[in-house]
Amino acid sequence: MNKEKIILVIDQMAVTMEKQKEFLTELDNVIGDGDHGINMARGFSEVIKKRDSLAKMDAGDMIKNLGMILVSTVGGASGPLYGTAFMKAGMFLKGKEEVTFPDFLEAFACAIDGVMARGKAAEGEKTMLDAMLPAKRAMEQEWTISGDGKKSMEEGLTAARKGIEYTKTIIATKGRAAYLGERSIGHQDPGATSFVFLLEAIASQM
């Protein structure tokens, strides 16, 4: 994926967050602060305002700066978590003009490590990690088998969507949702859901 395609991915992320903001906010109304969709849409709206300057950067700096914008403009836990994810991925990709699928897998692993460290969270706690980690495993497995990036992404998306369904079955132990205890069962995690929307945006340019 070259820089032009990365910009198109960012455009798609912004369009999707705007389109899905009410749905994400409805999910967050039930088990969170009720602002996840609004915050994500606001953050990517600010990213688009800086689109021209981002386009002049190498792939790594482009993604790192995207993360910095999200940290400064997205409220709640989402800003620091998503911002850290993009910044860590961008730091790994620093200096690259193009991103290969192995590059993407390594950058994604760095993003996950950043989320886990920043959120002090692990898989099984009803967070975005319940979609991110299954996606990572599925993509790595398919890449090892076929070496086909598009197919690997499709497998990752399938696993991530299953991760969203999994979050409906478990008790939240992180964030505002943790206060609900067993009442959080039956509701999907907004962060896992927004992650899948972002992963779909990446897949759209592969």
N, C-alpha and C. Protein backbone atom coordinates (compact mmCIF):
# COMPACT_ATOMS: atom_id res chain seq x y z
N MET A 1 0.85 -1.19 0.00
CA MET A 1 0.00 0.00 0.00
C MET A 1 0.89 1.24 0.00
N ASN A 2 0.74 2.09 -1.02
CA ASN A 2 1.53 3.31 -1.07
C ASN A 2 0.84 4.44 -0.30
N LYS A 3 1.51 5.61 -0.28
CA LYS A 3 0.99 6.71 0.52
C LYS A 3 -0.38 7.19 0.01
N GLU A 4 -0.56 7.15 -1.30
CA GLU A 4 -1.84 7.58 -1.86
C GLU A 4 -2.98 6.71 -1.36
N LYS A 5 -2.72 5.42 -1.27
CA LYS A 5 -3.76 4.51 -0.78
C LYS A 5 -3.98 4.70 0.72
N ILE A 6 -2.93 5.00 1.44
CA ILE A 6 -3.08 5.25 2.88
C ILE A 6 -3.98 6.47 3.11
N ILE A 7 -3.79 7.51 2.31
CA ILE A 7 -4.66 8.68 2.41
C ILE A 7 -6.10 8.31 2.11
N LEU A 8 -6.31 7.45 1.12
CA LEU A 8 -7.67 7.00 0.80
C LEU A 8 -8.26 6.19 1.96
N VAL A 9 -7.42 5.41 2.64
CA VAL A 9 -7.87 4.68 3.84
C VAL A 9 -8.32 5.67 4.91
N ILE A 10 -7.53 6.70 5.13
CA ILE A 10 -7.88 7.71 6.13
C ILE A 10 -9.19 8.40 5.76
N ASP A 11 -9.35 8.71 4.48
CA ASP A 11 -10.62 9.30 4.02
C ASP A 11 -11.79 8.38 4.35
N GLN A 12 -11.61 7.08 4.07
CA GLN A 12 -12.68 6.12 4.32
C GLN A 12 -12.97 5.98 5.80
N MET A 13 -11.92 6.01 6.62
CA MET A 13 -12.12 5.96 8.07
C MET A 13 -12.98 7.13 8.53
N ALA A 14 -12.69 8.31 8.01
CA ALA A 14 -13.45 9.50 8.41
C ALA A 14 -14.90 9.40 7.97
N VAL A 15 -15.12 8.96 6.73
CA VAL A 15 -16.48 8.80 6.22
C VAL A 15 -17.26 7.79 7.06
N THR A 16 -16.60 6.68 7.38
CA THR A 16 -17.25 5.62 8.15
C THR A 16 -17.59 6.08 9.56
N MET A 17 -16.66 6.77 10.21
CA MET A 17 -16.93 7.24 11.57
C MET A 17 -18.10 8.22 11.60
N GLU A 18 -18.19 9.07 10.59
CA GLU A 18 -19.32 10.00 10.51
C GLU A 18 -20.62 9.24 10.28
N LYS A 19 -20.56 8.26 9.38
CA LYS A 19 -21.75 7.47 9.05
C LYS A 19 -22.23 6.64 10.23
N GLN A 20 -21.30 6.13 11.02
CA GLN A 20 -21.64 5.20 12.10
C GLN A 20 -21.68 5.86 13.48
N LYS A 21 -21.55 7.18 13.54
CA LYS A 21 -21.42 7.81 14.86
C LYS A 21 -22.66 7.60 15.73
N GLU A 22 -23.85 7.63 15.13
CA GLU A 22 -25.06 7.45 15.93
C GLU A 22 -25.16 6.01 16.44
N PHE A 23 -24.81 5.05 15.58
CA PHE A 23 -24.84 3.64 15.99
C PHE A 23 -23.86 3.39 17.12
N LEU A 24 -22.63 3.90 16.98
CA LEU A 24 -21.62 3.70 18.02
C LEU A 24 -22.03 4.40 19.31
N THR A 25 -22.65 5.54 19.18
CA THR A 25 -23.10 6.26 20.38
C THR A 25 -24.23 5.52 21.07
N GLU A 26 -25.12 4.92 20.28
CA GLU A 26 -26.20 4.11 20.87
C GLU A 26 -25.62 2.93 21.66
N LEU A 27 -24.62 2.28 21.10
CA LEU A 27 -23.97 1.18 21.83
C LEU A 27 -23.36 1.68 23.13
N ASP A 28 -22.73 2.85 23.04
CA ASP A 28 -22.04 3.41 24.21
C ASP A 28 -23.02 3.96 25.24
N ASN A 29 -24.20 4.33 24.80
CA ASN A 29 -25.23 4.80 25.74
C ASN A 29 -25.59 3.72 26.76
N VAL A 30 -25.53 2.48 26.31
CA VAL A 30 -25.96 1.35 27.15
C VAL A 30 -24.91 1.00 28.19
N ILE A 31 -23.63 0.96 27.77
CA ILE A 31 -22.60 0.47 28.70
C ILE A 31 -21.43 1.44 28.92
N GLY A 32 -21.53 2.64 28.37
CA GLY A 32 -20.43 3.58 28.52
C GLY A 32 -20.91 4.99 28.81
N ASP A 33 -20.15 5.97 28.31
CA ASP A 33 -20.47 7.37 28.54
C ASP A 33 -21.42 7.95 27.49
N GLY A 34 -21.72 7.17 26.45
CA GLY A 34 -22.65 7.62 25.43
C GLY A 34 -22.06 8.62 24.44
N ASP A 35 -20.74 8.61 24.30
CA ASP A 35 -20.12 9.60 23.41
C ASP A 35 -19.11 9.01 22.43
N HIS A 36 -19.02 7.68 22.37
CA HIS A 36 -17.96 7.06 21.57
C HIS A 36 -18.06 7.45 20.08
N GLY A 37 -19.25 7.33 19.52
CA GLY A 37 -19.41 7.65 18.11
C GLY A 37 -19.15 9.12 17.81
N ILE A 38 -19.69 9.98 18.65
CA ILE A 38 -19.50 11.42 18.48
C ILE A 38 -18.02 11.78 18.57
N ASN A 39 -17.34 11.20 19.54
CA ASN A 39 -15.92 11.50 19.72
C ASN A 39 -15.08 11.01 18.55
N MET A 40 -15.35 9.80 18.08
CA MET A 40 -14.58 9.25 16.97
C MET A 40 -14.80 10.06 15.69
N ALA A 41 -16.05 10.44 15.44
CA ALA A 41 -16.35 11.25 14.25
C ALA A 41 -15.65 12.61 14.34
N ARG A 42 -15.66 13.21 15.54
CA ARG A 42 -15.00 14.50 15.72
C ARG A 42 -13.49 14.37 15.46
N GLY A 43 -12.89 13.31 16.00
CA GLY A 43 -11.46 13.12 15.83
C GLY A 43 -11.05 12.98 14.38
N PHE A 44 -11.78 12.16 13.64
CA PHE A 44 -11.43 11.96 12.23
C PHE A 44 -11.78 13.16 11.37
N SER A 45 -12.75 13.95 11.81
CA SER A 45 -13.03 15.21 11.13
C SER A 45 -11.83 16.15 11.24
N GLU A 46 -11.20 16.16 12.40
CA GLU A 46 -9.99 16.97 12.58
C GLU A 46 -8.83 16.42 11.75
N VAL A 47 -8.76 15.10 11.64
CA VAL A 47 -7.72 14.47 10.82
C VAL A 47 -7.86 14.94 9.37
N ILE A 48 -9.07 14.95 8.85
CA ILE A 48 -9.31 15.34 7.47
C ILE A 48 -8.92 16.80 7.22
N LYS A 49 -9.08 17.64 8.23
CA LYS A 49 -8.68 19.04 8.09
C LYS A 49 -7.18 19.17 7.83
N LYS A 50 -6.42 18.17 8.29
CA LYS A 50 -4.96 18.19 8.13
C LYS A 50 -4.51 17.22 7.04
N ARG A 51 -5.46 16.81 6.20
CA ARG A 51 -5.19 15.81 5.15
C ARG A 51 -4.03 16.20 4.25
N ASP A 52 -4.00 17.46 3.80
CA ASP A 52 -2.97 17.89 2.85
C ASP A 52 -1.57 17.81 3.45
N SER A 53 -1.45 18.19 4.72
CA SER A 53 -0.13 18.12 5.35
C SER A 53 0.27 16.67 5.62
N LEU A 54 -0.68 15.83 5.97
CA LEU A 54 -0.39 14.42 6.18
C LEU A 54 0.10 13.77 4.89
N ALA A 55 -0.49 14.15 3.77
CA ALA A 55 -0.15 13.54 2.48
C ALA A 55 1.30 13.79 2.07
N LYS A 56 1.93 14.81 2.63
CA LYS A 56 3.32 15.13 2.30
C LYS A 56 4.32 14.33 3.12
N MET A 57 3.83 13.61 4.13
CA MET A 57 4.72 12.86 5.03
C MET A 57 4.95 11.45 4.51
N ASP A 58 6.01 10.79 5.04
CA ASP A 58 6.16 9.36 4.74
C ASP A 58 5.07 8.60 5.49
N ALA A 59 4.90 7.32 5.15
CA ALA A 59 3.79 6.54 5.70
C ALA A 59 3.82 6.50 7.23
N GLY A 60 5.00 6.35 7.79
CA GLY A 60 5.12 6.27 9.24
C GLY A 60 4.70 7.55 9.93
N ASP A 61 5.23 8.69 9.45
CA ASP A 61 4.89 9.97 10.07
C ASP A 61 3.42 10.31 9.86
N MET A 62 2.88 9.90 8.70
CA MET A 62 1.47 10.13 8.42
C MET A 62 0.60 9.46 9.49
N ILE A 63 0.89 8.21 9.77
CA ILE A 63 0.09 7.43 10.72
C ILE A 63 0.36 7.89 12.15
N LYS A 64 1.62 8.21 12.44
CA LYS A 64 1.94 8.70 13.78
C LYS A 64 1.20 10.01 14.06
N ASN A 65 1.20 10.92 13.09
CA ASN A 65 0.53 12.21 13.28
C ASN A 65 -0.97 12.05 13.36
N LEU A 66 -1.52 11.10 12.62
CA LEU A 66 -2.94 10.80 12.75
C LEU A 66 -3.25 10.45 14.21
N GLY A 67 -2.42 9.62 14.79
CA GLY A 67 -2.60 9.24 16.20
C GLY A 67 -2.52 10.43 17.13
N MET A 68 -1.59 11.33 16.86
CA MET A 68 -1.43 12.51 17.71
C MET A 68 -2.68 13.40 17.64
N ILE A 69 -3.26 13.50 16.44
CA ILE A 69 -4.49 14.29 16.28
C ILE A 69 -5.62 13.65 17.09
N LEU A 70 -5.73 12.33 17.02
CA LEU A 70 -6.79 11.65 17.77
C LEU A 70 -6.62 11.83 19.27
N VAL A 71 -5.40 11.75 19.75
CA VAL A 71 -5.16 11.94 21.19
C VAL A 71 -5.64 13.31 21.65
N SER A 72 -5.42 14.31 20.82
CA SER A 72 -5.73 15.68 21.22
C SER A 72 -7.18 16.09 20.97
N THR A 73 -7.91 15.30 20.16
CA THR A 73 -9.27 15.74 19.80
C THR A 73 -10.38 14.75 20.17
N VAL A 74 -10.05 13.50 20.43
CA VAL A 74 -11.07 12.50 20.77
C VAL A 74 -11.17 12.40 22.29
N GLY A 75 -12.35 12.60 22.83
CA GLY A 75 -12.53 12.55 24.27
C GLY A 75 -12.64 11.14 24.80
N GLY A 76 -12.78 11.03 26.11
CA GLY A 76 -12.94 9.73 26.75
C GLY A 76 -11.69 8.87 26.64
N ALA A 77 -11.88 7.56 26.78
CA ALA A 77 -10.76 6.64 26.70
C ALA A 77 -10.32 6.40 25.26
N SER A 78 -11.22 6.64 24.31
CA SER A 78 -10.94 6.30 22.92
C SER A 78 -9.77 7.08 22.35
N GLY A 79 -9.66 8.35 22.69
CA GLY A 79 -8.58 9.18 22.17
C GLY A 79 -7.21 8.64 22.53
N PRO A 80 -6.93 8.46 23.83
CA PRO A 80 -5.62 7.92 24.20
C PRO A 80 -5.36 6.52 23.65
N LEU A 81 -6.39 5.68 23.61
CA LEU A 81 -6.18 4.30 23.15
C LEU A 81 -5.95 4.22 21.64
N TYR A 82 -6.86 4.81 20.87
CA TYR A 82 -6.67 4.79 19.42
C TYR A 82 -5.46 5.64 19.02
N GLY A 83 -5.29 6.76 19.69
CA GLY A 83 -4.14 7.60 19.39
C GLY A 83 -2.84 6.85 19.61
N THR A 84 -2.74 6.16 20.73
CA THR A 84 -1.55 5.36 21.01
C THR A 84 -1.36 4.27 19.97
N ALA A 85 -2.45 3.62 19.58
CA ALA A 85 -2.36 2.55 18.58
C ALA A 85 -1.76 3.07 17.28
N PHE A 86 -2.27 4.19 16.78
CA PHE A 86 -1.76 4.75 15.53
C PHE A 86 -0.33 5.28 15.70
N MET A 87 -0.03 5.89 16.83
CA MET A 87 1.32 6.40 17.04
C MET A 87 2.35 5.28 17.09
N LYS A 88 2.04 4.20 17.79
CA LYS A 88 2.96 3.07 17.86
C LYS A 88 3.16 2.43 16.49
N ALA A 89 2.06 2.30 15.73
CA ALA A 89 2.17 1.74 14.38
C ALA A 89 3.02 2.66 13.50
N GLY A 90 2.78 3.96 13.61
CA GLY A 90 3.53 4.92 12.82
C GLY A 90 5.01 4.93 13.15
N MET A 91 5.33 4.77 14.42
CA MET A 91 6.74 4.74 14.83
C MET A 91 7.45 3.54 14.21
N PHE A 92 6.75 2.41 14.14
CA PHE A 92 7.36 1.23 13.50
C PHE A 92 7.58 1.47 12.01
N LEU A 93 6.66 2.19 11.37
CA LEU A 93 6.70 2.39 9.92
C LEU A 93 7.51 3.61 9.50
N LYS A 94 8.17 4.26 10.44
CA LYS A 94 8.88 5.51 10.16
C LYS A 94 9.84 5.36 8.98
N GLY A 95 9.77 6.32 8.06
CA GLY A 95 10.66 6.34 6.92
C GLY A 95 10.18 5.56 5.71
N LYS A 96 9.11 4.82 5.85
CA LYS A 96 8.63 3.99 4.74
C LYS A 96 7.70 4.80 3.83
N GLU A 97 7.90 4.65 2.53
CA GLU A 97 7.03 5.28 1.54
C GLU A 97 5.90 4.34 1.14
N GLU A 98 6.12 3.05 1.30
CA GLU A 98 5.11 2.04 1.02
C GLU A 98 5.05 1.06 2.19
N VAL A 99 3.88 0.46 2.39
CA VAL A 99 3.68 -0.50 3.49
C VAL A 99 3.31 -1.85 2.90
N THR A 100 4.17 -2.84 3.09
CA THR A 100 3.86 -4.20 2.65
C THR A 100 2.95 -4.86 3.68
N PHE A 101 2.38 -6.00 3.33
CA PHE A 101 1.51 -6.66 4.31
C PHE A 101 2.28 -7.12 5.55
N PRO A 102 3.50 -7.68 5.41
CA PRO A 102 4.28 -7.98 6.62
C PRO A 102 4.54 -6.73 7.47
N ASP A 103 4.81 -5.58 6.80
CA ASP A 103 4.96 -4.32 7.54
C ASP A 103 3.69 -4.02 8.33
N PHE A 104 2.55 -4.18 7.67
CA PHE A 104 1.26 -3.91 8.31
C PHE A 104 1.07 -4.81 9.54
N LEU A 105 1.40 -6.10 9.39
CA LEU A 105 1.23 -7.02 10.52
C LEU A 105 2.10 -6.61 11.71
N GLU A 106 3.34 -6.20 11.43
CA GLU A 106 4.23 -5.77 12.52
C GLU A 106 3.74 -4.48 13.15
N ALA A 107 3.28 -3.55 12.31
CA ALA A 107 2.76 -2.29 12.83
C ALA A 107 1.50 -2.51 13.66
N PHE A 108 0.66 -3.43 13.21
CA PHE A 108 -0.57 -3.76 13.94
C PHE A 108 -0.23 -4.37 15.30
N ALA A 109 0.79 -5.22 15.33
CA ALA A 109 1.23 -5.80 16.60
C ALA A 109 1.71 -4.71 17.55
N CYS A 110 2.44 -3.72 17.02
CA CYS A 110 2.88 -2.60 17.85
C CYS A 110 1.70 -1.80 18.37
N ALA A 111 0.68 -1.62 17.51
CA ALA A 111 -0.53 -0.89 17.91
C ALA A 111 -1.23 -1.61 19.06
N ILE A 112 -1.35 -2.92 18.95
CA ILE A 112 -2.00 -3.71 20.00
C ILE A 112 -1.22 -3.62 21.30
N ASP A 113 0.10 -3.72 21.22
CA ASP A 113 0.94 -3.60 22.42
C ASP A 113 0.70 -2.25 23.09
N GLY A 114 0.57 -1.21 22.26
CA GLY A 114 0.32 0.13 22.80
C GLY A 114 -1.02 0.23 23.51
N VAL A 115 -2.05 -0.37 22.92
CA VAL A 115 -3.38 -0.36 23.53
C VAL A 115 -3.37 -1.12 24.85
N MET A 116 -2.72 -2.28 24.85
CA MET A 116 -2.66 -3.09 26.07
C MET A 116 -1.94 -2.36 27.19
N ALA A 117 -0.86 -1.69 26.85
CA ALA A 117 -0.08 -0.97 27.87
C ALA A 117 -0.83 0.27 28.35
N ARG A 118 -1.40 1.02 27.42
CA ARG A 118 -2.08 2.26 27.79
C ARG A 118 -3.36 1.97 28.58
N GLY A 119 -4.10 0.95 28.15
CA GLY A 119 -5.35 0.64 28.81
C GLY A 119 -5.23 -0.34 29.95
N LYS A 120 -4.02 -0.87 30.14
CA LYS A 120 -3.79 -1.90 31.16
C LYS A 120 -4.86 -2.99 31.05
N ALA A 121 -5.07 -3.43 29.80
CA ALA A 121 -6.14 -4.38 29.50
C ALA A 121 -5.60 -5.61 28.80
N ALA A 122 -6.40 -6.65 28.80
CA ALA A 122 -6.06 -7.91 28.15
C ALA A 122 -7.30 -8.44 27.44
N GLU A 123 -7.13 -9.46 26.65
CA GLU A 123 -8.25 -10.08 25.96
C GLU A 123 -9.23 -10.67 26.99
N GLY A 124 -10.51 -10.61 26.68
CA GLY A 124 -11.52 -11.18 27.56
C GLY A 124 -12.11 -10.22 28.56
N GLU A 125 -11.80 -8.91 28.40
CA GLU A 125 -12.31 -7.91 29.34
C GLU A 125 -13.34 -6.97 28.70
N LYS A 126 -13.87 -7.38 27.55
CA LYS A 126 -14.91 -6.61 26.84
C LYS A 126 -14.37 -5.25 26.41
N THR A 127 -13.31 -5.28 25.62
CA THR A 127 -12.72 -4.05 25.07
C THR A 127 -12.42 -4.28 23.59
N MET A 128 -11.85 -3.27 22.95
CA MET A 128 -11.47 -3.39 21.55
C MET A 128 -10.46 -4.53 21.32
N LEU A 129 -9.74 -4.92 22.36
CA LEU A 129 -8.76 -6.00 22.22
C LEU A 129 -9.43 -7.33 21.88
N ASP A 130 -10.70 -7.47 22.22
CA ASP A 130 -11.41 -8.71 21.91
C ASP A 130 -11.72 -8.84 20.43
N ALA A 131 -11.55 -7.76 19.68
CA ALA A 131 -11.61 -7.82 18.22
C ALA A 131 -10.22 -7.75 17.61
N MET A 132 -9.34 -6.96 18.22
CA MET A 132 -8.01 -6.74 17.67
C MET A 132 -7.14 -8.01 17.70
N LEU A 133 -7.12 -8.66 18.84
CA LEU A 133 -6.23 -9.83 18.98
C LEU A 133 -6.67 -11.01 18.12
N PRO A 134 -7.96 -11.35 18.04
CA PRO A 134 -8.37 -12.41 17.11
C PRO A 134 -8.05 -12.06 15.66
N ALA A 135 -8.20 -10.77 15.30
CA ALA A 135 -7.87 -10.34 13.94
C ALA A 135 -6.40 -10.55 13.66
N LYS A 136 -5.56 -10.18 14.61
CA LYS A 136 -4.11 -10.34 14.45
C LYS A 136 -3.75 -11.80 14.25
N ARG A 137 -4.28 -12.67 15.09
CA ARG A 137 -3.96 -14.10 14.98
C ARG A 137 -4.42 -14.68 13.64
N ALA A 138 -5.62 -14.31 13.23
CA ALA A 138 -6.16 -14.85 11.97
C ALA A 138 -5.36 -14.36 10.77
N MET A 139 -4.98 -13.10 10.77
CA MET A 139 -4.20 -12.56 9.66
C MET A 139 -2.83 -13.19 9.59
N GLU A 140 -2.18 -13.33 10.73
CA GLU A 140 -0.85 -13.95 10.75
C GLU A 140 -0.91 -15.40 10.28
N GLN A 141 -1.93 -16.11 10.71
CA GLN A 141 -2.07 -17.51 10.32
C GLN A 141 -2.29 -17.64 8.82
N GLU A 142 -3.19 -16.84 8.27
CA GLU A 142 -3.47 -16.93 6.84
C GLU A 142 -2.28 -16.48 6.01
N TRP A 143 -1.57 -15.45 6.47
CA TRP A 143 -0.38 -14.98 5.75
C TRP A 143 0.68 -16.07 5.71
N THR A 144 0.85 -16.78 6.81
CA THR A 144 1.82 -17.87 6.86
C THR A 144 1.44 -18.98 5.87
N ILE A 145 0.14 -19.23 5.75
CA ILE A 145 -0.34 -20.31 4.87
C ILE A 145 -0.30 -19.91 3.39
N SER A 146 -0.85 -18.74 3.08
CA SER A 146 -1.05 -18.39 1.68
C SER A 146 -0.17 -17.26 1.14
N GLY A 147 0.31 -16.40 2.05
CA GLY A 147 1.06 -15.24 1.59
C GLY A 147 0.21 -14.26 0.80
N ASP A 148 -1.10 -14.34 0.98
CA ASP A 148 -2.06 -13.50 0.27
C ASP A 148 -2.60 -12.44 1.23
N GLY A 149 -2.19 -11.18 1.02
CA GLY A 149 -2.59 -10.12 1.94
C GLY A 149 -4.09 -9.88 1.96
N LYS A 150 -4.72 -9.88 0.80
CA LYS A 150 -6.16 -9.63 0.73
C LYS A 150 -6.94 -10.72 1.46
N LYS A 151 -6.54 -11.97 1.24
CA LYS A 151 -7.21 -13.07 1.91
C LYS A 151 -6.94 -13.02 3.42
N SER A 152 -5.73 -12.65 3.78
CA SER A 152 -5.38 -12.54 5.20
C SER A 152 -6.23 -11.48 5.89
N MET A 153 -6.44 -10.36 5.18
CA MET A 153 -7.29 -9.30 5.74
C MET A 153 -8.73 -9.78 5.89
N GLU A 154 -9.22 -10.52 4.92
CA GLU A 154 -10.59 -11.06 5.00
C GLU A 154 -10.73 -11.98 6.22
N GLU A 155 -9.72 -12.81 6.45
CA GLU A 155 -9.75 -13.69 7.62
C GLU A 155 -9.70 -12.88 8.91
N GLY A 156 -8.90 -11.82 8.89
CA GLY A 156 -8.83 -10.95 10.06
C GLY A 156 -10.15 -10.29 10.37
N LEU A 157 -10.83 -9.82 9.32
CA LEU A 157 -12.13 -9.19 9.52
C LEU A 157 -13.16 -10.17 10.06
N THR A 158 -13.14 -11.38 9.53
CA THR A 158 -14.07 -12.41 10.02
C THR A 158 -13.84 -12.67 11.51
N ALA A 159 -12.58 -12.79 11.89
CA ALA A 159 -12.25 -13.04 13.30
C ALA A 159 -12.62 -11.85 14.18
N ALA A 160 -12.41 -10.64 13.67
CA ALA A 160 -12.74 -9.44 14.44
C ALA A 160 -14.24 -9.32 14.66
N ARG A 161 -15.01 -9.65 13.62
CA ARG A 161 -16.48 -9.61 13.76
C ARG A 161 -16.96 -10.65 14.76
N LYS A 162 -16.32 -11.80 14.76
CA LYS A 162 -16.65 -12.81 15.78
C LYS A 162 -16.29 -12.29 17.16
N GLY A 163 -15.22 -11.50 17.21
CA GLY A 163 -14.81 -10.89 18.48
C GLY A 163 -15.87 -9.96 19.02
N ILE A 164 -16.51 -9.20 18.13
CA ILE A 164 -17.62 -8.33 18.57
C ILE A 164 -18.72 -9.17 19.20
N GLU A 165 -19.08 -10.27 18.54
CA GLU A 165 -20.12 -11.14 19.08
C GLU A 165 -19.71 -11.72 20.43
N TYR A 166 -18.43 -12.04 20.55
CA TYR A 166 -17.91 -12.57 21.83
C TYR A 166 -18.09 -11.55 22.95
N THR A 167 -17.90 -10.25 22.64
CA THR A 167 -18.03 -9.26 23.71
C THR A 167 -19.44 -9.22 24.30
N LYS A 168 -20.42 -9.68 23.53
CA LYS A 168 -21.79 -9.71 24.06
C LYS A 168 -21.94 -10.74 25.18
N THR A 169 -21.05 -11.72 25.21
CA THR A 169 -21.21 -12.85 26.13
C THR A 169 -20.45 -12.70 27.43
N ILE A 170 -19.64 -11.64 27.56
CA ILE A 170 -18.76 -11.52 28.72
C ILE A 170 -19.06 -10.26 29.53
N ILE A 171 -18.60 -10.27 30.77
CA ILE A 171 -18.78 -9.15 31.68
C ILE A 171 -17.66 -8.13 31.46
N ALA A 172 -18.03 -6.88 31.39
CA ALA A 172 -17.03 -5.81 31.25
C ALA A 172 -16.27 -5.63 32.56
N THR A 173 -14.95 -5.51 32.46
CA THR A 173 -14.14 -5.28 33.66
C THR A 173 -13.28 -4.03 33.53
N LYS A 174 -13.46 -3.29 32.43
CA LYS A 174 -12.69 -2.06 32.22
C LYS A 174 -13.63 -0.91 31.91
N GLY A 175 -13.23 0.28 32.31
CA GLY A 175 -13.97 1.48 31.97
C GLY A 175 -15.31 1.59 32.67
N ARG A 176 -16.14 2.51 32.15
CA ARG A 176 -17.45 2.76 32.74
C ARG A 176 -18.33 1.52 32.73
N ALA A 177 -18.17 0.69 31.70
CA ALA A 177 -18.99 -0.52 31.58
C ALA A 177 -18.80 -1.48 32.75
N ALA A 178 -17.63 -1.42 33.39
CA ALA A 178 -17.34 -2.33 34.49
C ALA A 178 -18.30 -2.13 35.66
N TYR A 179 -18.84 -0.92 35.79
CA TYR A 179 -19.77 -0.64 36.90
C TYR A 179 -21.09 -1.42 36.75
N LEU A 180 -21.38 -1.84 35.52
CA LEU A 180 -22.62 -2.57 35.28
C LEU A 180 -22.54 -4.04 35.70
N GLY A 181 -21.33 -4.56 35.81
CA GLY A 181 -21.17 -5.97 36.19
C GLY A 181 -21.87 -6.88 35.21
N GLU A 182 -22.68 -7.80 35.73
CA GLU A 182 -23.36 -8.78 34.87
C GLU A 182 -24.37 -8.14 33.93
N ARG A 183 -24.80 -6.94 34.23
CA ARG A 183 -25.74 -6.26 33.35
C ARG A 183 -25.10 -5.85 32.02
N SER A 184 -23.78 -5.91 31.96
CA SER A 184 -23.10 -5.60 30.69
C SER A 184 -23.18 -6.76 29.70
N ILE A 185 -23.54 -7.95 30.19
CA ILE A 185 -23.70 -9.11 29.30
C ILE A 185 -24.87 -8.87 28.34
N GLY A 186 -24.69 -9.25 27.10
CA GLY A 186 -25.73 -9.06 26.10
C GLY A 186 -25.52 -7.84 25.23
N HIS A 187 -24.54 -7.00 25.60
CA HIS A 187 -24.27 -5.78 24.86
C HIS A 187 -22.87 -5.84 24.24
N GLN A 188 -22.77 -5.45 22.98
CA GLN A 188 -21.47 -5.49 22.32
C GLN A 188 -20.64 -4.28 22.68
N ASP A 189 -19.33 -4.45 22.67
CA ASP A 189 -18.43 -3.37 23.05
C ASP A 189 -18.31 -2.34 21.92
N PRO A 190 -18.51 -1.07 22.22
CA PRO A 190 -18.41 -0.04 21.19
C PRO A 190 -17.00 0.07 20.59
N GLY A 191 -15.98 -0.09 21.42
CA GLY A 191 -14.60 0.01 20.93
C GLY A 191 -14.25 -1.11 19.97
N ALA A 192 -14.68 -2.32 20.29
CA ALA A 192 -14.46 -3.45 19.37
C ALA A 192 -15.17 -3.20 18.06
N THR A 193 -16.35 -2.58 18.15
CA THR A 193 -17.14 -2.29 16.95
C THR A 193 -16.47 -1.23 16.08
N SER A 194 -16.02 -0.15 16.69
CA SER A 194 -15.36 0.90 15.90
C SER A 194 -14.05 0.39 15.30
N PHE A 195 -13.36 -0.50 16.01
CA PHE A 195 -12.15 -1.08 15.44
C PHE A 195 -12.45 -1.84 14.15
N VAL A 196 -13.52 -2.62 14.15
CA VAL A 196 -13.88 -3.36 12.94
C VAL A 196 -14.18 -2.39 11.79
N PHE A 197 -14.84 -1.27 12.07
CA PHE A 197 -15.12 -0.30 11.03
C PHE A 197 -13.79 0.25 10.46
N LEU A 198 -12.81 0.49 11.32
CA LEU A 198 -11.52 0.99 10.85
C LEU A 198 -10.77 -0.06 10.04
N LEU A 199 -10.86 -1.30 10.47
CA LEU A 199 -10.20 -2.39 9.74
C LEU A 199 -10.85 -2.56 8.36
N GLU A 200 -12.16 -2.40 8.30
CA GLU A 200 -12.85 -2.46 7.01
C GLU A 200 -12.36 -1.36 6.07
N ALA A 201 -12.07 -0.19 6.63
CA ALA A 201 -11.56 0.91 5.81
C ALA A 201 -10.19 0.56 5.22
N ILE A 202 -9.35 -0.09 6.02
CA ILE A 202 -8.04 -0.52 5.51
C ILE A 202 -8.23 -1.56 4.41
N ALA A 203 -9.12 -2.51 4.65
CA ALA A 203 -9.37 -3.57 3.66
C ALA A 203 -9.90 -3.02 2.35
N SER A 204 -10.58 -1.89 2.40
CA SER A 204 -11.20 -1.34 1.18
C SER A 204 -10.17 -0.91 0.15
N GLN A 205 -8.92 -0.70 0.56
CA GLN A 205 -7.88 -0.27 -0.37
C GLN A 205 -6.87 -1.38 -0.70
N MET A 206 -7.21 -2.61 -0.34
CA MET A 206 -6.29 -3.71 -0.62
C MET A 206 -6.69 -4.44 -1.91
